[in-house]
Protein backbone atom coordinates (compact mmCIF):
# COMPACT_ATOMS: atom_id res chain seq x y z
CA MET A 1 35.69 -256.47 -72.44
CA ARG A 2 35.44 -253.85 -74.43
CA PRO A 3 31.07 -251.66 -74.87
CA ARG A 4 30.52 -252.28 -78.11
CA VAL A 5 29.81 -249.20 -80.12
CA ALA A 6 29.78 -247.29 -83.04
CA LEU A 7 30.92 -244.10 -82.67
CA VAL A 8 33.46 -242.43 -80.04
CA GLU A 9 33.21 -238.73 -79.24
CA ALA A 10 36.12 -236.41 -77.95
CA THR A 11 36.89 -233.05 -77.30
CA SER A 12 39.45 -231.93 -79.88
CA GLU A 13 41.21 -228.87 -77.82
CA ASN A 14 41.55 -231.61 -75.22
CA CYS A 15 44.24 -233.77 -77.94
CA PHE A 16 45.98 -229.92 -79.01
CA GLY A 17 48.45 -230.77 -76.50
CA GLY A 18 48.85 -235.04 -76.81
CA GLY A 19 50.00 -236.12 -74.66
CA ARG A 20 47.67 -239.88 -72.79
CA HIS A 21 44.29 -237.86 -74.06
CA LEU A 22 45.73 -237.95 -77.59
CA ASP A 23 47.04 -241.80 -77.36
CA ALA A 24 43.74 -242.73 -75.50
CA LEU A 25 41.99 -241.10 -78.83
CA LEU A 26 44.88 -243.17 -81.43
CA GLU A 27 43.96 -246.44 -79.22
CA VAL A 28 40.01 -245.74 -79.56
CA ARG A 29 41.13 -244.51 -83.39
CA ARG A 30 41.67 -248.25 -84.11
CA GLU A 31 38.22 -250.15 -83.27
CA HIS A 32 36.40 -246.96 -84.09
CA ALA A 33 34.45 -244.32 -85.64
CA VAL A 34 35.44 -240.93 -84.00
CA SER A 35 33.90 -237.59 -83.78
CA LEU A 36 36.33 -234.73 -83.27
CA HIS A 37 34.37 -231.91 -80.78
CA GLY A 38 35.56 -229.10 -80.66
CA VAL A 39 35.01 -226.69 -77.68
CA GLY A 40 37.41 -223.49 -79.19
CA LEU A 41 36.12 -222.55 -81.96
CA SER A 42 34.20 -219.10 -81.93
CA ILE A 43 33.24 -219.42 -85.10
CA GLY A 44 30.69 -216.23 -83.94
CA SER A 45 32.65 -213.58 -82.42
CA THR A 46 34.03 -210.74 -83.51
CA ASP A 47 37.13 -210.96 -83.00
CA PRO A 48 39.11 -213.06 -86.15
CA LEU A 49 39.06 -216.46 -86.17
CA ASP A 50 42.82 -217.67 -84.17
CA GLU A 51 45.21 -218.51 -86.25
CA ARG A 52 46.71 -221.05 -83.84
CA HIS A 53 43.60 -223.50 -83.12
CA LEU A 54 43.21 -223.69 -86.63
CA VAL A 55 46.90 -224.95 -87.22
CA ARG A 56 46.38 -228.09 -84.02
CA LEU A 57 42.64 -228.47 -85.55
CA ALA A 58 43.71 -229.20 -88.58
CA ALA A 59 47.33 -230.74 -87.27
CA LEU A 60 44.78 -233.50 -85.48
CA VAL A 61 42.38 -234.10 -88.45
CA GLU A 62 44.77 -234.95 -90.36
CA ARG A 63 46.43 -237.57 -87.62
CA VAL A 64 43.51 -238.67 -86.56
CA GLU A 65 41.39 -239.17 -89.83
CA PRO A 66 37.98 -238.37 -88.08
CA ALA A 67 35.10 -239.50 -89.52
CA LEU A 68 33.00 -235.92 -88.48
CA VAL A 69 34.54 -232.86 -87.34
CA SER A 70 31.57 -230.32 -84.92
CA ASP A 71 32.16 -227.00 -82.93
CA HIS A 72 29.65 -224.83 -81.55
CA LEU A 73 27.22 -221.50 -83.51
CA CYS A 74 28.38 -219.95 -80.43
CA TRP A 75 30.73 -217.75 -79.86
CA SER A 76 32.96 -217.31 -76.64
CA SER A 77 35.38 -214.85 -76.89
CA VAL A 78 36.02 -210.59 -77.05
CA GLY A 79 38.09 -208.62 -77.39
CA GLY A 80 41.04 -211.57 -76.62
CA ILE A 81 39.50 -212.37 -73.55
CA TYR A 82 37.58 -215.58 -73.20
CA ALA A 83 34.10 -216.75 -70.98
CA ASN A 84 34.41 -220.50 -70.82
CA ASP A 85 31.13 -220.67 -72.11
CA LEU A 86 28.64 -221.31 -75.49
CA LEU A 87 26.97 -218.08 -75.59
CA PRO A 88 23.81 -217.62 -78.64
CA LEU A 89 24.11 -215.36 -80.92
CA PRO A 90 21.74 -212.41 -82.06
CA TYR A 91 20.16 -214.00 -85.09
CA THR A 92 20.01 -211.48 -87.98
CA GLU A 93 20.90 -211.25 -91.69
CA GLU A 94 24.14 -209.95 -89.86
CA ALA A 95 25.38 -212.67 -87.86
CA LEU A 96 24.28 -214.94 -90.52
CA ALA A 97 26.48 -213.73 -93.14
CA HIS A 98 29.37 -213.39 -91.10
CA VAL A 99 29.08 -216.92 -89.68
CA ALA A 100 28.48 -218.19 -92.75
CA GLU A 101 32.11 -216.27 -94.38
CA ARG A 102 34.12 -217.87 -91.29
CA VAL A 103 33.05 -221.43 -91.55
CA GLU A 104 33.66 -221.32 -94.91
CA ARG A 105 37.17 -220.35 -93.73
CA VAL A 106 37.67 -222.83 -91.65
CA GLN A 107 36.13 -225.88 -93.81
CA GLU A 108 38.43 -224.48 -96.67
CA ARG A 109 41.92 -224.79 -93.85
CA LEU A 110 40.83 -228.24 -93.07
CA GLY A 111 39.81 -229.69 -96.00
CA ARG A 112 36.77 -230.43 -95.05
CA ARG A 113 32.76 -230.33 -94.18
CA ILE A 114 32.49 -228.85 -90.54
CA LEU A 115 29.51 -229.14 -88.96
CA VAL A 116 27.55 -226.96 -86.31
CA GLU A 117 25.44 -227.55 -83.04
CA ASN A 118 22.85 -225.33 -81.27
CA VAL A 119 23.61 -224.37 -78.34
CA SER A 120 21.25 -224.25 -75.41
CA SER A 121 20.59 -220.47 -74.80
CA TYR A 122 19.48 -219.10 -71.81
CA LEU A 123 18.73 -215.25 -73.03
CA GLU A 124 17.27 -214.46 -76.24
CA TYR A 125 18.22 -210.76 -77.79
CA SER A 126 15.71 -208.28 -78.85
CA ALA A 127 17.78 -207.75 -82.01
CA SER A 128 16.93 -211.02 -84.14
CA GLU A 129 15.22 -211.49 -86.84
CA MET A 130 14.79 -214.80 -86.91
CA SER A 131 15.05 -217.55 -85.27
CA GLU A 132 17.06 -219.95 -83.63
CA CYS A 133 16.27 -222.84 -85.74
CA GLU A 134 15.70 -220.64 -89.04
CA PHE A 135 19.14 -219.40 -88.47
CA LEU A 136 20.81 -222.68 -88.66
CA ALA A 137 18.82 -223.95 -91.45
CA ALA A 138 20.52 -220.21 -93.48
CA LEU A 139 24.01 -220.84 -92.44
CA ALA A 140 24.00 -225.16 -93.55
CA GLN A 141 22.51 -223.84 -96.40
CA ARG A 142 25.27 -220.80 -97.09
CA ALA A 143 28.38 -222.47 -95.40
CA GLY A 144 27.40 -225.83 -97.31
CA CYS A 145 28.37 -227.21 -93.65
CA GLY A 146 26.35 -229.59 -91.86
CA VAL A 147 24.54 -229.90 -88.99
CA LEU A 148 25.07 -231.34 -85.62
CA LEU A 149 22.33 -231.88 -83.73
CA ASP A 150 21.48 -231.44 -79.99
CA VAL A 151 17.88 -232.57 -79.34
CA ASN A 152 19.02 -231.69 -75.59
CA ASN A 153 19.69 -228.51 -75.89
CA VAL A 154 16.54 -227.86 -77.96
CA TYR A 155 14.89 -229.10 -75.04
CA VAL A 156 16.47 -226.65 -72.80
CA SER A 157 16.23 -223.81 -74.68
CA ALA A 158 12.18 -225.12 -76.26
CA ALA A 159 11.03 -225.00 -72.53
CA ASN A 160 13.84 -221.39 -71.15
CA HIS A 161 11.74 -219.80 -74.15
CA GLY A 162 8.82 -221.19 -74.76
CA PHE A 163 8.79 -221.67 -78.52
CA ASP A 164 7.77 -225.06 -79.93
CA ALA A 165 10.72 -228.12 -80.04
CA ARG A 166 9.73 -229.79 -82.82
CA THR A 167 8.56 -226.76 -84.40
CA TYR A 168 12.71 -226.42 -83.91
CA LEU A 169 12.95 -230.30 -86.13
CA HIS A 170 10.53 -229.75 -89.12
CA ALA A 171 12.61 -226.35 -90.10
CA ILE A 172 16.26 -228.11 -90.56
CA ALA A 173 16.57 -230.23 -93.14
CA PRO A 174 17.22 -233.93 -93.09
CA GLU A 175 20.04 -233.95 -94.77
CA SER A 176 21.65 -231.20 -93.65
CA VAL A 177 22.20 -233.72 -89.77
CA HIS A 178 24.66 -235.03 -89.60
CA GLU A 179 25.03 -235.92 -86.21
CA VAL A 180 22.90 -235.98 -82.63
CA HIS A 181 23.49 -234.84 -79.44
CA LEU A 182 21.94 -236.35 -76.40
CA ALA A 183 22.53 -235.76 -72.75
CA GLY A 184 20.50 -234.50 -69.81
CA TYR A 185 20.12 -230.91 -67.44
CA SER A 186 19.51 -229.92 -64.54
CA VAL A 187 16.49 -228.33 -62.80
CA ASN A 188 17.62 -224.89 -61.17
CA LEU A 189 15.12 -221.45 -59.90
CA VAL A 190 15.75 -218.30 -60.53
CA ARG A 191 14.59 -214.93 -59.22
CA ARG A 192 12.54 -212.77 -61.81
CA ASP A 193 13.09 -208.24 -61.61
CA ASP A 194 8.75 -208.38 -59.39
CA GLY A 195 10.54 -211.65 -56.96
CA SER A 196 8.15 -214.13 -57.99
CA ASP A 197 10.44 -217.92 -58.72
CA ALA A 198 10.79 -219.39 -62.14
CA GLN A 199 12.08 -222.21 -63.56
CA ILE A 200 15.24 -222.93 -65.73
CA LEU A 201 16.81 -225.69 -67.61
CA ILE A 202 20.33 -226.13 -67.12
CA ASP A 203 21.94 -228.02 -69.80
CA THR A 204 25.26 -230.01 -66.86
CA HIS A 205 25.35 -233.03 -68.94
CA SER A 206 25.56 -234.57 -65.88
CA ARG A 207 22.33 -236.66 -65.42
CA PRO A 208 20.82 -239.32 -67.68
CA VAL A 209 18.80 -238.80 -70.63
CA SER A 210 14.79 -237.39 -69.58
CA GLU A 211 12.08 -238.74 -70.88
CA PRO A 212 10.64 -235.78 -73.08
CA VAL A 213 14.70 -235.56 -74.67
CA TRP A 214 14.19 -238.78 -76.23
CA GLN A 215 10.23 -238.65 -76.67
CA LEU A 216 11.78 -234.97 -78.99
CA TYR A 217 14.61 -237.69 -79.76
CA ARG A 218 12.39 -240.34 -81.02
CA ASP A 219 10.07 -237.68 -83.46
CA ALA A 220 13.90 -235.65 -84.56
CA ILE A 221 14.69 -239.35 -85.47
CA ARG A 222 11.87 -240.27 -87.71
CA LEU A 223 11.29 -236.96 -89.02
CA LEU A 224 15.04 -236.87 -90.05
CA GLY A 225 15.92 -240.50 -90.83
CA PRO A 226 19.01 -242.68 -88.74
CA LYS A 227 21.67 -240.62 -87.98
CA PRO A 228 24.93 -241.37 -85.97
CA THR A 229 24.27 -239.97 -82.05
CA ILE A 230 26.08 -240.20 -79.46
CA VAL A 231 25.53 -239.32 -75.47
CA GLU A 232 26.70 -236.27 -73.91
CA TRP A 233 27.69 -237.17 -69.86
CA ASP A 234 30.73 -235.29 -68.43
CA ALA A 235 29.87 -234.35 -64.76
CA ASP A 236 28.96 -236.63 -62.37
CA LEU A 237 29.77 -240.24 -64.95
CA PRO A 238 28.01 -242.92 -63.48
CA PRO A 239 29.58 -246.35 -64.13
CA LEU A 240 30.95 -247.74 -67.67
CA ALA A 241 27.65 -249.93 -67.52
CA GLY A 242 25.35 -247.00 -66.74
CA LEU A 243 26.72 -245.02 -69.75
CA VAL A 244 26.15 -248.10 -72.23
CA ALA A 245 23.01 -248.18 -71.32
CA GLU A 246 22.68 -245.34 -72.31
CA ALA A 247 24.31 -245.60 -75.92
CA ASP A 248 22.17 -249.09 -75.92
CA LYS A 249 18.74 -247.16 -75.49
CA ALA A 250 19.87 -244.81 -78.16
CA GLU A 251 20.93 -246.93 -80.31
CA ARG A 252 17.52 -249.21 -79.42
CA TRP A 253 15.13 -245.34 -80.80
CA LEU A 254 17.58 -245.93 -83.85
CA ARG A 255 17.07 -249.75 -85.27
CA GLU A 256 13.13 -249.20 -83.56
CA ALA A 257 12.41 -246.08 -85.72
CA HIS A 258 13.48 -246.94 -89.05
CA ALA A 259 12.80 -251.23 -88.93
CA PRO A 260 10.92 -252.38 -91.95
CA ASN A 261 6.81 -252.32 -91.30
CA ASP A 262 5.52 -255.97 -90.53
CA ALA A 263 4.07 -256.41 -94.83
CA SER A 264 2.51 -260.34 -93.06
CA GLY A 265 -1.48 -260.91 -93.58
């Protein structure tokens, strides 16, 4: 029996070459709405936008007709060399103008709005002139794109950098958010320059959503309204029933947060 889920997300680049990944996605698309989520656009890079990548993405979008298309607010390449990671940007006016122009070009090429996702981060730039949430909100307004709000990434970055996660939620316009991500994180220890240990959270997508992230998710959907929600799990996969249980939990919180008030009595 197939699980009852409303939305299925696939990594765009996995389907560029066709084959079994695309075949499976097209099979899923017959019964479910699909979200195409990219990891290779490198929208914040100073390298030119990869024309070959855009051609493949546009062809995939045309064939699959997904409900949503997204990528990350990050850079992952410079000088044609790929870091194989989603690296944060300096949050400056110059970077904002650069990214907004590139997002507009991608949207024009695809003929549709895309969503931009906040990434988890483990460093900050001294050159930043605004917070990440201010940058993301300004980008959505300037480029006309939507936001894919990763609640786990907000929590991880807030813990790592010491900002308030709920302040972040309040900075994002509810109407700009069109999808939400949840995931599990790992806790690591790193050695400071003074020899002491510090705790750092890593967005690993390898375990259940933590209770603090569930609580932040509840706050988010109360504030932003009900949004399509994906639970990401990429490593150390449990049986399918475990994955479905996480999705069902998100669905329960969505229903509970927006159930009509009991007007009896």
